[in-house]
C-alpha atoms as a PDB file:
ATOM      1  CA  UNK A   1      13.911 -16.650 -16.527  1.00  0.00           C
ATOM      2  CA  UNK A   2      10.869 -17.108 -18.924  1.00  0.00           C
ATOM      3  CA  UNK A   3      11.720 -14.303 -21.618  1.00  0.00           C
ATOM      4  CA  UNK A   4       8.791 -14.555 -23.068  1.00  0.00           C
ATOM      5  CA  UNK A   5       6.927 -14.111 -19.961  1.00  0.00           C
ATOM      6  CA  UNK A   6       8.903 -10.708 -19.048  1.00  0.00           C
ATOM      7  CA  UNK A   7       8.304  -9.665 -22.179  1.00  0.00           C
ATOM      8  CA  UNK A   8       4.597  -9.833 -21.679  1.00  0.00           C
ATOM      9  CA  UNK A   9       4.686  -8.626 -18.631  1.00  0.00           C
ATOM     10  CA  UNK A  10       6.443  -5.463 -19.953  1.00  0.00           C
ATOM     11  CA  UNK A  11       4.251  -4.824 -22.527  1.00  0.00           C
ATOM     12  CA  UNK A  12       1.499  -5.307 -19.764  1.00  0.00           C
ATOM     13  CA  UNK A  13       3.429  -2.166 -17.789  1.00  0.00           C
ATOM     14  CA  UNK A  14       3.389  -0.022 -21.193  1.00  0.00           C
ATOM     15  CA  UNK A  15      -0.226  -1.016 -21.887  1.00  0.00           C
ATOM     16  CA  UNK A  16      -1.264   0.305 -17.984  1.00  0.00           C
ATOM     17  CA  UNK A  17       0.742   3.218 -17.978  1.00  0.00           C
ATOM     18  CA  UNK A  18      -1.153   3.580 -21.700  1.00  0.00           C
ATOM     19  CA  UNK A  19      -4.550   4.129 -19.782  1.00  0.00           C
ATOM     20  CA  UNK A  20      -3.433   6.116 -17.331  1.00  0.00           C
ATOM     21  CA  UNK A  21      -2.189   8.752 -20.399  1.00  0.00           C
ATOM     22  CA  UNK A  22      -4.636   8.350 -22.793  1.00  0.00           C
ATOM     23  CA  UNK A  23      -7.382   8.869 -20.182  1.00  0.00           C
ATOM     24  CA  UNK A  24      -9.318   5.872 -20.451  1.00  0.00           C
ATOM     25  CA  UNK A  25     -10.351   5.451 -17.220  1.00  0.00           C
ATOM     26  CA  UNK A  26     -11.778   9.223 -15.417  1.00  0.00           C
ATOM     27  CA  UNK A  27     -10.598   7.637 -12.390  1.00  0.00           C
ATOM     28  CA  UNK A  28      -6.835   7.198 -13.351  1.00  0.00           C
ATOM     29  CA  UNK A  29      -6.625  10.538 -15.700  1.00  0.00           C
ATOM     30  CA  UNK A  30      -7.929  12.772 -12.874  1.00  0.00           C
ATOM     31  CA  UNK A  31      -4.524  15.037 -11.952  1.00  0.00           C
ATOM     32  CA  UNK A  32      -3.695  15.728  -8.386  1.00  0.00           C
ATOM     33  CA  UNK A  33      -4.977  19.375  -8.808  1.00  0.00           C
ATOM     34  CA  UNK A  34      -8.369  17.890 -10.167  1.00  0.00           C
ATOM     35  CA  UNK A  35      -8.648  16.026  -6.678  1.00  0.00           C
ATOM     36  CA  UNK A  36     -10.033  18.286  -3.285  1.00  0.00           C
ATOM     37  CA  UNK A  37      -6.190  16.615  -1.320  1.00  0.00           C
ATOM     38  CA  UNK A  38      -8.051  18.445   2.015  1.00  0.00           C
ATOM     39  CA  UNK A  39     -11.084  16.629   1.867  1.00  0.00           C
ATOM     40  CA  UNK A  40      -9.888  13.402   1.026  1.00  0.00           C
ATOM     41  CA  UNK A  41      -9.569  10.812   3.708  1.00  0.00           C
ATOM     42  CA  UNK A  42      -6.101   8.680   2.390  1.00  0.00           C
ATOM     43  CA  UNK A  43      -5.545   5.233   3.427  1.00  0.00           C
ATOM     44  CA  UNK A  44      -1.967   3.616   3.056  1.00  0.00           C
ATOM     45  CA  UNK A  45      -1.991  -0.063   2.742  1.00  0.00           C
ATOM     46  CA  UNK A  46       0.619  -3.127   2.308  1.00  0.00           C
ATOM     47  CA  UNK A  47       3.975  -4.626   3.014  1.00  0.00           C
ATOM     48  CA  UNK A  48       7.128  -3.229   4.692  1.00  0.00           C
ATOM     49  CA  UNK A  49       8.368  -1.082   1.420  1.00  0.00           C
ATOM     50  CA  UNK A  50       5.021   0.849   1.939  1.00  0.00           C
ATOM     51  CA  UNK A  51       5.124   0.851   6.136  1.00  0.00           C
ATOM     52  CA  UNK A  52       9.333   2.201   5.461  1.00  0.00           C
ATOM     53  CA  UNK A  53      10.891  -0.699   6.871  1.00  0.00           C
ATOM     54  CA  UNK A  54      14.640   0.833   5.996  1.00  0.00           C
ATOM     55  CA  UNK A  55      13.961   4.447   6.426  1.00  0.00           C
ATOM     56  CA  UNK A  56      14.417   4.206  10.794  1.00  0.00           C
ATOM     57  CA  UNK A  57      12.222   6.286  12.959  1.00  0.00           C
ATOM     58  CA  UNK A  58       9.823   4.052  13.505  1.00  0.00           C
ATOM     59  CA  UNK A  59       6.371   4.702  15.230  1.00  0.00           C
ATOM     60  CA  UNK A  60       6.694   2.528  18.856  1.00  0.00           C
ATOM     61  CA  UNK A  61       2.842   2.374  18.746  1.00  0.00           C
ATOM     62  CA  UNK A  62       2.788   0.155  15.280  1.00  0.00           C
ATOM     63  CA  UNK A  63       5.379  -2.388  16.948  1.00  0.00           C
ATOM     64  CA  UNK A  64       6.388  -5.519  14.739  1.00  0.00           C
ATOM     65  CA  UNK A  65       4.824  -3.379  11.979  1.00  0.00           C
ATOM     66  CA  UNK A  66       7.588  -1.048  11.922  1.00  0.00           C
ATOM     67  CA  UNK A  67       5.839   1.980  10.221  1.00  0.00           C
ATOM     68  CA  UNK A  68       8.074   4.792   9.427  1.00  0.00           C
ATOM     69  CA  UNK A  69       7.460   8.718  10.002  1.00  0.00           C
ATOM     70  CA  UNK A  70      10.023   9.060   6.896  1.00  0.00           C
ATOM     71  CA  UNK A  71       7.611   6.499   4.648  1.00  0.00           C
ATOM     72  CA  UNK A  72       6.347   7.745   1.717  1.00  0.00           C
ATOM     73  CA  UNK A  73       2.855   7.401   2.765  1.00  0.00           C
ATOM     74  CA  UNK A  74       3.388   9.507   6.005  1.00  0.00           C
ATOM     75  CA  UNK A  75       5.415  12.189   3.945  1.00  0.00           C
ATOM     76  CA  UNK A  76       2.820  12.767   1.788  1.00  0.00           C
ATOM     77  CA  UNK A  77       0.093  12.912   4.671  1.00  0.00           C
ATOM     78  CA  UNK A  78       2.062  15.334   5.944  1.00  0.00           C
ATOM     79  CA  UNK A  79       2.795  17.763   3.252  1.00  0.00           C
ATOM     80  CA  UNK A  80      -1.369  17.408   2.248  1.00  0.00           C
ATOM     81  CA  UNK A  81      -3.085  17.667   5.363  1.00  0.00           C
ATOM     82  CA  UNK A  82      -5.944  14.920   4.188  1.00  0.00           C
ATOM     83  CA  UNK A  83      -9.340  15.017   6.047  1.00  0.00           C
ATOM     84  CA  UNK A  84      -8.040  11.811   7.625  1.00  0.00           C
ATOM     85  CA  UNK A  85      -5.025   9.295   7.344  1.00  0.00           C
ATOM     86  CA  UNK A  86      -5.543   5.421   8.132  1.00  0.00           C
ATOM     87  CA  UNK A  87      -1.384   3.900   8.030  1.00  0.00           C
ATOM     88  CA  UNK A  88      -1.646  -0.013   8.263  1.00  0.00           C
ATOM     89  CA  UNK A  89       0.891  -1.221   6.454  1.00  0.00           C
ATOM     90  CA  UNK A  90       2.984  -3.725   7.649  1.00  0.00           C
ATOM     91  CA  UNK A  91       6.220  -5.569   7.323  1.00  0.00           C
ATOM     92  CA  UNK A  92       6.279  -8.842   6.226  1.00  0.00           C
ATOM     93  CA  UNK A  93       2.343  -8.006   5.026  1.00  0.00           C
ATOM     94  CA  UNK A  94       1.188 -10.853   2.094  1.00  0.00           C
ATOM     95  CA  UNK A  95      -1.975 -10.497   0.169  1.00  0.00           C
ATOM     96  CA  UNK A  96      -3.624 -12.164   2.654  1.00  0.00           C
ATOM     97  CA  UNK A  97      -2.844 -10.007   5.644  1.00  0.00           C
ATOM     98  CA  UNK A  98      -3.702  -7.024   3.709  1.00  0.00           C
ATOM     99  CA  UNK A  99      -7.114  -8.716   3.385  1.00  0.00           C
ATOM    100  CA  UNK A 100      -7.660  -9.978   6.726  1.00  0.00           C
ATOM    101  CA  UNK A 101      -5.948  -7.122   9.025  1.00  0.00           C
ATOM    102  CA  UNK A 102      -5.415  -3.782   6.917  1.00  0.00           C
ATOM    103  CA  UNK A 103      -8.956  -3.004   5.386  1.00  0.00           C
ATOM    104  CA  UNK A 104     -10.960  -1.719   8.154  1.00  0.00           C
ATOM    105  CA  UNK A 105     -10.432   1.697   7.587  1.00  0.00           C
ATOM    106  CA  UNK A 106     -11.660   2.001   4.238  1.00  0.00           C
ATOM    107  CA  UNK A 107     -15.010   3.522   3.798  1.00  0.00           C
ATOM    108  CA  UNK A 108     -17.253   5.058   1.111  1.00  0.00           C
ATOM    109  CA  UNK A 109     -15.824   8.603   2.152  1.00  0.00           C
ATOM    110  CA  UNK A 110     -12.132   7.142   1.534  1.00  0.00           C
ATOM    111  CA  UNK A 111     -10.853   9.351  -1.345  1.00  0.00           C
ATOM    112  CA  UNK A 112      -7.217   7.878  -1.704  1.00  0.00           C
ATOM    113  CA  UNK A 113      -5.825   4.509  -1.110  1.00  0.00           C
ATOM    114  CA  UNK A 114      -1.850   3.404  -1.780  1.00  0.00           C
ATOM    115  CA  UNK A 115      -0.653   0.080  -1.873  1.00  0.00           C
ATOM    116  CA  UNK A 116       2.299  -1.728  -2.580  1.00  0.00           C
ATOM    117  CA  UNK A 117       2.039  -5.922  -1.795  1.00  0.00           C
ATOM    118  CA  UNK A 118       3.119  -9.135  -3.826  1.00  0.00           C
ATOM    119  CA  UNK A 119       6.951  -9.306  -2.976  1.00  0.00           C
ATOM    120  CA  UNK A 120       6.526 -11.415   0.258  1.00  0.00           C
ATOM    121  CA  UNK A 121       3.907 -13.236  -1.471  1.00  0.00           C
ATOM    122  CA  UNK A 122       6.385 -14.704  -4.052  1.00  0.00           C
ATOM    123  CA  UNK A 123       8.938 -15.261  -1.354  1.00  0.00           C
ATOM    124  CA  UNK A 124      11.036 -12.391  -1.681  1.00  0.00           C
ATOM    125  CA  UNK A 125      13.055 -12.794   1.648  1.00  0.00           C
ATOM    126  CA  UNK A 126      13.808 -16.411   1.588  1.00  0.00           C
ATOM    127  CA  UNK A 127      15.039 -15.645  -2.635  1.00  0.00           C
ATOM    128  CA  UNK A 128      17.467 -12.553  -1.028  1.00  0.00           C
ATOM    129  CA  UNK A 129      18.789 -14.914   1.561  1.00  0.00           C
ATOM    130  CA  UNK A 130      19.186 -17.939  -0.656  1.00  0.00           C
ATOM    131  CA  UNK A 131      21.025 -15.542  -3.210  1.00  0.00           C
ATOM    132  CA  UNK A 132      23.172 -14.226  -0.560  1.00  0.00           C
ATOM    133  CA  UNK A 133      24.151 -17.307   1.080  1.00  0.00           C
ATOM    134  CA  UNK A 134      24.156 -20.194  -1.143  1.00  0.00           C
ATOM    135  CA  UNK A 135      25.805 -18.901  -4.648  1.00  0.00           C
ATOM    136  CA  UNK A 136      24.659 -18.409  -8.203  1.00  0.00           C
ATOM    137  CA  UNK A 137      23.150 -21.549  -9.039  1.00  0.00           C
ATOM    138  CA  UNK A 138      20.780 -21.892  -5.990  1.00  0.00           C
ATOM    139  CA  UNK A 139      19.995 -18.274  -6.238  1.00  0.00           C
ATOM    140  CA  UNK A 140      18.925 -18.713  -9.739  1.00  0.00           C
ATOM    141  CA  UNK A 141      17.119 -21.327  -8.974  1.00  0.00           C
ATOM    142  CA  UNK A 142      15.232 -19.557  -6.311  1.00  0.00           C
ATOM    143  CA  UNK A 143      14.356 -16.679  -8.626  1.00  0.00           C
ATOM    144  CA  UNK A 144      12.851 -19.239 -10.879  1.00  0.00           C
ATOM    145  CA  UNK A 145      10.741 -20.626  -8.538  1.00  0.00           C
ATOM    146  CA  UNK A 146       9.623 -17.021  -7.368  1.00  0.00           C
ATOM    147  CA  UNK A 147       9.048 -16.354 -11.091  1.00  0.00           C
ATOM    148  CA  UNK A 148       6.788 -19.170 -10.946  1.00  0.00           C
ATOM    149  CA  UNK A 149       4.782 -18.144  -8.295  1.00  0.00           C
ATOM    150  CA  UNK A 150       4.510 -14.698 -10.091  1.00  0.00           C
ATOM    151  CA  UNK A 151       3.009 -15.358 -12.957  1.00  0.00           C
ATOM    152  CA  UNK A 152       0.662 -18.970 -11.777  1.00  0.00           C
ATOM    153  CA  UNK A 153      -0.818 -17.874  -8.536  1.00  0.00           C
ATOM    154  CA  UNK A 154      -0.005 -14.183  -7.625  1.00  0.00           C
ATOM    155  CA  UNK A 155      -2.395 -12.353 -10.373  1.00  0.00           C
ATOM    156  CA  UNK A 156      -5.332 -14.184  -8.599  1.00  0.00           C
ATOM    157  CA  UNK A 157      -4.171 -13.524  -4.947  1.00  0.00           C
ATOM    158  CA  UNK A 158      -3.871  -9.286  -6.464  1.00  0.00           C
ATOM    159  CA  UNK A 159      -7.538  -9.523  -7.738  1.00  0.00           C
ATOM    160  CA  UNK A 160      -8.954 -10.826  -4.239  1.00  0.00           C
ATOM    161  CA  UNK A 161      -7.364  -7.647  -2.598  1.00  0.00           C
ATOM    162  CA  UNK A 162      -7.928  -5.063  -5.080  1.00  0.00           C
ATOM    163  CA  UNK A 163     -11.537  -6.371  -5.285  1.00  0.00           C
ATOM    164  CA  UNK A 164     -11.839  -5.999  -1.677  1.00  0.00           C
ATOM    165  CA  UNK A 165     -10.290  -2.570  -1.745  1.00  0.00           C
ATOM    166  CA  UNK A 166     -12.974  -1.177  -4.673  1.00  0.00           C
ATOM    167  CA  UNK A 167     -15.777  -3.005  -2.686  1.00  0.00           C
ATOM    168  CA  UNK A 168     -15.006  -1.511   0.343  1.00  0.00           C
ATOM    169  CA  UNK A 169     -13.731   1.895  -0.771  1.00  0.00           C
ATOM    170  CA  UNK A 170     -15.612   2.278  -4.250  1.00  0.00           C
ATOM    171  CA  UNK A 171     -14.966   6.195  -5.026  1.00  0.00           C
ATOM    172  CA  UNK A 172     -11.416   6.150  -3.771  1.00  0.00           C
ATOM    173  CA  UNK A 173      -8.402   6.662  -6.187  1.00  0.00           C
ATOM    174  CA  UNK A 174      -6.089   3.784  -5.836  1.00  0.00           C
ATOM    175  CA  UNK A 175      -2.263   4.057  -6.058  1.00  0.00           C
ATOM    176  CA  UNK A 176      -0.401   0.612  -6.834  1.00  0.00           C
ATOM    177  CA  UNK A 177       3.016   0.963  -6.143  1.00  0.00           C
ATOM    178  CA  UNK A 178       6.104  -1.309  -7.779  1.00  0.00           C
ATOM    179  CA  UNK A 179       9.174  -2.495  -6.586  1.00  0.00           C
ATOM    180  CA  UNK A 180      12.722  -0.888  -7.862  1.00  0.00           C
ATOM    181  CA  UNK A 181      15.222  -2.990  -9.554  1.00  0.00           C
ATOM    182  CA  UNK A 182      17.824  -4.226  -6.907  1.00  0.00           C
ATOM    183  CA  UNK A 183      21.186  -3.713  -8.605  1.00  0.00           C
ATOM    184  CA  UNK A 184      23.102  -1.376 -11.172  1.00  0.00           C
ATOM    185  CA  UNK A 185      24.292  -3.907 -13.288  1.00  0.00           C
ATOM    186  CA  UNK A 186      27.896  -3.377 -14.285  1.00  0.00           C
ATOM    187  CA  UNK A 187      28.651  -1.233 -11.426  1.00  0.00           C
ATOM    188  CA  UNK A 188      30.409  -0.946  -8.681  1.00  0.00           C
ATOM    189  CA  UNK A 189      30.466  -3.982  -6.395  1.00  0.00           C
ATOM    190  CA  UNK A 190      33.205  -6.444  -6.983  1.00  0.00           C
ATOM    191  CA  UNK A 191      32.171  -8.533  -4.326  1.00  0.00           C
ATOM    192  CA  UNK A 192      28.934 -10.657  -3.177  1.00  0.00           C
ATOM    193  CA  UNK A 193      26.264 -11.847  -5.788  1.00  0.00           C
ATOM    194  CA  UNK A 194      27.439 -12.795  -9.187  1.00  0.00           C
ATOM    195  CA  UNK A 195      26.344 -10.644 -12.358  1.00  0.00           C
ATOM    196  CA  UNK A 196      24.150 -13.369 -13.424  1.00  0.00           C
ATOM    197  CA  UNK A 197      22.086 -13.081 -10.327  1.00  0.00           C
ATOM    198  CA  UNK A 198      21.886  -9.829 -10.023  1.00  0.00           C
ATOM    199  CA  UNK A 199      20.535  -9.786 -13.540  1.00  0.00           C
ATOM    200  CA  UNK A 200      17.981 -12.249 -12.555  1.00  0.00           C
ATOM    201  CA  UNK A 201      16.853 -10.636  -9.125  1.00  0.00           C
ATOM    202  CA  UNK A 202      16.249  -7.396 -11.822  1.00  0.00           C
ATOM    203  CA  UNK A 203      14.223  -9.425 -14.030  1.00  0.00           C
ATOM    204  CA  UNK A 204      12.213 -11.131 -11.026  1.00  0.00           C
ATOM    205  CA  UNK A 205      11.309  -7.621 -10.201  1.00  0.00           C
ATOM    206  CA  UNK A 206      10.220  -6.315 -13.750  1.00  0.00           C
ATOM    207  CA  UNK A 207       7.962  -9.839 -13.758  1.00  0.00           C
ATOM    208  CA  UNK A 208       6.267  -8.578 -10.707  1.00  0.00           C
ATOM    209  CA  UNK A 209       5.761  -5.381 -11.730  1.00  0.00           C
ATOM    210  CA  UNK A 210       4.323  -7.021 -15.012  1.00  0.00           C
ATOM    211  CA  UNK A 211       1.642  -8.304 -13.211  1.00  0.00           C
ATOM    212  CA  UNK A 212       1.150  -5.982 -10.678  1.00  0.00           C
ATOM    213  CA  UNK A 213       0.558  -3.364 -13.435  1.00  0.00           C
ATOM    214  CA  UNK A 214      -1.828  -5.553 -15.488  1.00  0.00           C
ATOM    215  CA  UNK A 215      -3.977  -6.502 -12.308  1.00  0.00           C
ATOM    216  CA  UNK A 216      -4.053  -2.886 -11.319  1.00  0.00           C
ATOM    217  CA  UNK A 217      -5.312  -1.882 -14.626  1.00  0.00           C
ATOM    218  CA  UNK A 218      -7.890  -4.210 -14.936  1.00  0.00           C
ATOM    219  CA  UNK A 219      -9.438  -3.188 -11.715  1.00  0.00           C
ATOM    220  CA  UNK A 220      -8.904   0.504 -12.775  1.00  0.00           C
ATOM    221  CA  UNK A 221      -5.921   1.670 -10.579  1.00  0.00           C
ATOM    222  CA  UNK A 222      -3.035   3.756 -11.193  1.00  0.00           C
ATOM    223  CA  UNK A 223       0.209   1.615 -11.446  1.00  0.00           C
ATOM    224  CA  UNK A 224       3.352   3.897 -10.107  1.00  0.00           C
ATOM    225  CA  UNK A 225       6.715   2.350 -11.537  1.00  0.00           C
ATOM    226  CA  UNK A 226       9.645   3.735  -8.823  1.00  0.00           C
ATOM    227  CA  UNK A 227      12.348   2.412 -11.658  1.00  0.00           C
ATOM    228  CA  UNK A 228      12.551   5.887 -12.752  1.00  0.00           C
ATOM    229  CA  UNK A 229      13.575   7.578  -9.687  1.00  0.00           C
ATOM    230  CA  UNK A 230      15.255   4.659  -8.577  1.00  0.00           C
ATOM    231  CA  UNK A 231      17.489   4.753 -11.495  1.00  0.00           C
ATOM    232  CA  UNK A 232      21.439   5.346 -10.635  1.00  0.00           C
ATOM    233  CA  UNK A 233      20.251   4.881  -7.210  1.00  0.00           C
ATOM    234  CA  UNK A 234      20.341   0.822  -7.051  1.00  0.00           C
ATOM    235  CA  UNK A 235      22.913  -1.490  -5.072  1.00  0.00           C
ATOM    236  CA  UNK A 236      26.035  -1.338  -7.023  1.00  0.00           C
ATOM    237  CA  UNK A 237      25.250   2.540  -7.881  1.00  0.00           C
ATOM    238  CA  UNK A 238      27.619   4.245  -6.050  1.00  0.00           C
ATOM    239  CA  UNK A 239      24.855   6.117  -4.347  1.00  0.00           C
ATOM    240  CA  UNK A 240      22.322   3.179  -3.476  1.00  0.00           C
ATOM    241  CA  UNK A 241      18.720   4.247  -2.071  1.00  0.00           C
ATOM    242  CA  UNK A 242      18.440   0.323  -0.803  1.00  0.00           C
ATOM    243  CA  UNK A 243      20.010  -1.026   2.431  1.00  0.00           C
ATOM    244  CA  UNK A 244      22.519  -4.274   1.461  1.00  0.00           C
ATOM    245  CA  UNK A 245      22.715  -6.627   4.427  1.00  0.00           C
ATOM    246  CA  UNK A 246      22.249  -5.379   7.913  1.00  0.00           C
ATOM    247  CA  UNK A 247      21.860  -5.526  11.135  1.00  0.00           C
ATOM    248  CA  UNK A 248      18.623  -5.790  11.756  1.00  0.00           C
ATOM    249  CA  UNK A 249      18.266  -8.302   8.956  1.00  0.00           C
ATOM    250  CA  UNK A 250      14.792  -7.172   8.202  1.00  0.00           C
ATOM    251  CA  UNK A 251      16.133  -3.876   6.913  1.00  0.00           C
ATOM    252  CA  UNK A 252      18.374  -5.488   4.131  1.00  0.00           C
ATOM    253  CA  UNK A 253      16.778  -4.710   0.776  1.00  0.00           C
ATOM    254  CA  UNK A 254      14.373  -2.194   1.520  1.00  0.00           C
ATOM    255  CA  UNK A 255      14.644   1.643   0.903  1.00  0.00           C
ATOM    256  CA  UNK A 256      16.619   3.931   3.051  1.00  0.00           C
ATOM    257  CA  UNK A 257      15.077   7.219   3.849  1.00  0.00           C
ATOM    258  CA  UNK A 258      16.437   8.710   0.716  1.00  0.00           C
ATOM    259  CA  UNK A 259      14.699   5.734  -1.109  1.00  0.00           C
ATOM    260  CA  UNK A 260      11.195   6.824   0.668  1.00  0.00           C
ATOM    261  CA  UNK A 261      11.368  10.918   0.339  1.00  0.00           C
ATOM    262  CA  UNK A 262      13.198  10.913  -2.879  1.00  0.00           C
ATOM    263  CA  UNK A 263      12.198   7.390  -4.953  1.00  0.00           C
ATOM    264  CA  UNK A 264       8.733   6.463  -3.934  1.00  0.00           C
ATOM    265  CA  UNK A 265       7.358   9.988  -2.645  1.00  0.00           C
ATOM    266  CA  UNK A 266       7.882  11.836  -6.155  1.00  0.00           C
ATOM    267  CA  UNK A 267       6.089   8.685  -7.966  1.00  0.00           C
ATOM    268  CA  UNK A 268       3.285   8.452  -5.718  1.00  0.00           C
ATOM    269  CA  UNK A 269       2.592  12.202  -5.193  1.00  0.00           C
ATOM    270  CA  UNK A 270       2.345  12.362  -9.222  1.00  0.00           C
ATOM    271  CA  UNK A 271       0.301   9.757  -9.325  1.00  0.00           C
ATOM    272  CA  UNK A 272      -1.851  10.548  -6.401  1.00  0.00           C
END
């Protein structure tokens, strides 16, 4: 799992958090109380974790994007009544999909943007399918392949998305949300993936979060780490806020409604 790279990614995450805490950037240091939320146009971008796949209560008009009224973005907008709310996050979205299909609502009047993206680029779905169906050896190989992509290719793709957001919405406060650990290690699961596979998957989540945090910081964006709220609510915890394998299959390994309201929303609210 390229432990040295994981260490670097973790250091990058702490560095990004330090920038926020020390006020290195006026945009990221601003508190929610200092921003006129009612006058702020809010645009919610990203993948299935931002769309709310797994939370149910999908807007039929969103079709296969499966945008949920229980997603953290929709919950925040309902509570804060921004001057406008554009919800373009979509199930399955990669960085290229965000660039080509989600940025139209951004403008010079946009005050707040949220986004989670990168997991699908790194092969999240294929990796989890391999781990669930093909055993430990195949799982570890798939995770290693995903980590290589995260390290070598994803940074440039994130730069492309973040740069486009800055260009189209230069005044916006941008919150980039990460991904939670999927598994509580040494937890209550007695069947399914091996403990080594679960640890490798969590390590890949650390890797992508570290890369996302570093790229976000370099663009002056705020990174929001959801592992603090999801701690104790991973799969195998006994009280999970993530689905395991589900029908329909696309909800597998995605946050439940509680994962959105109690896992993602508080972190986003603090960062916004």
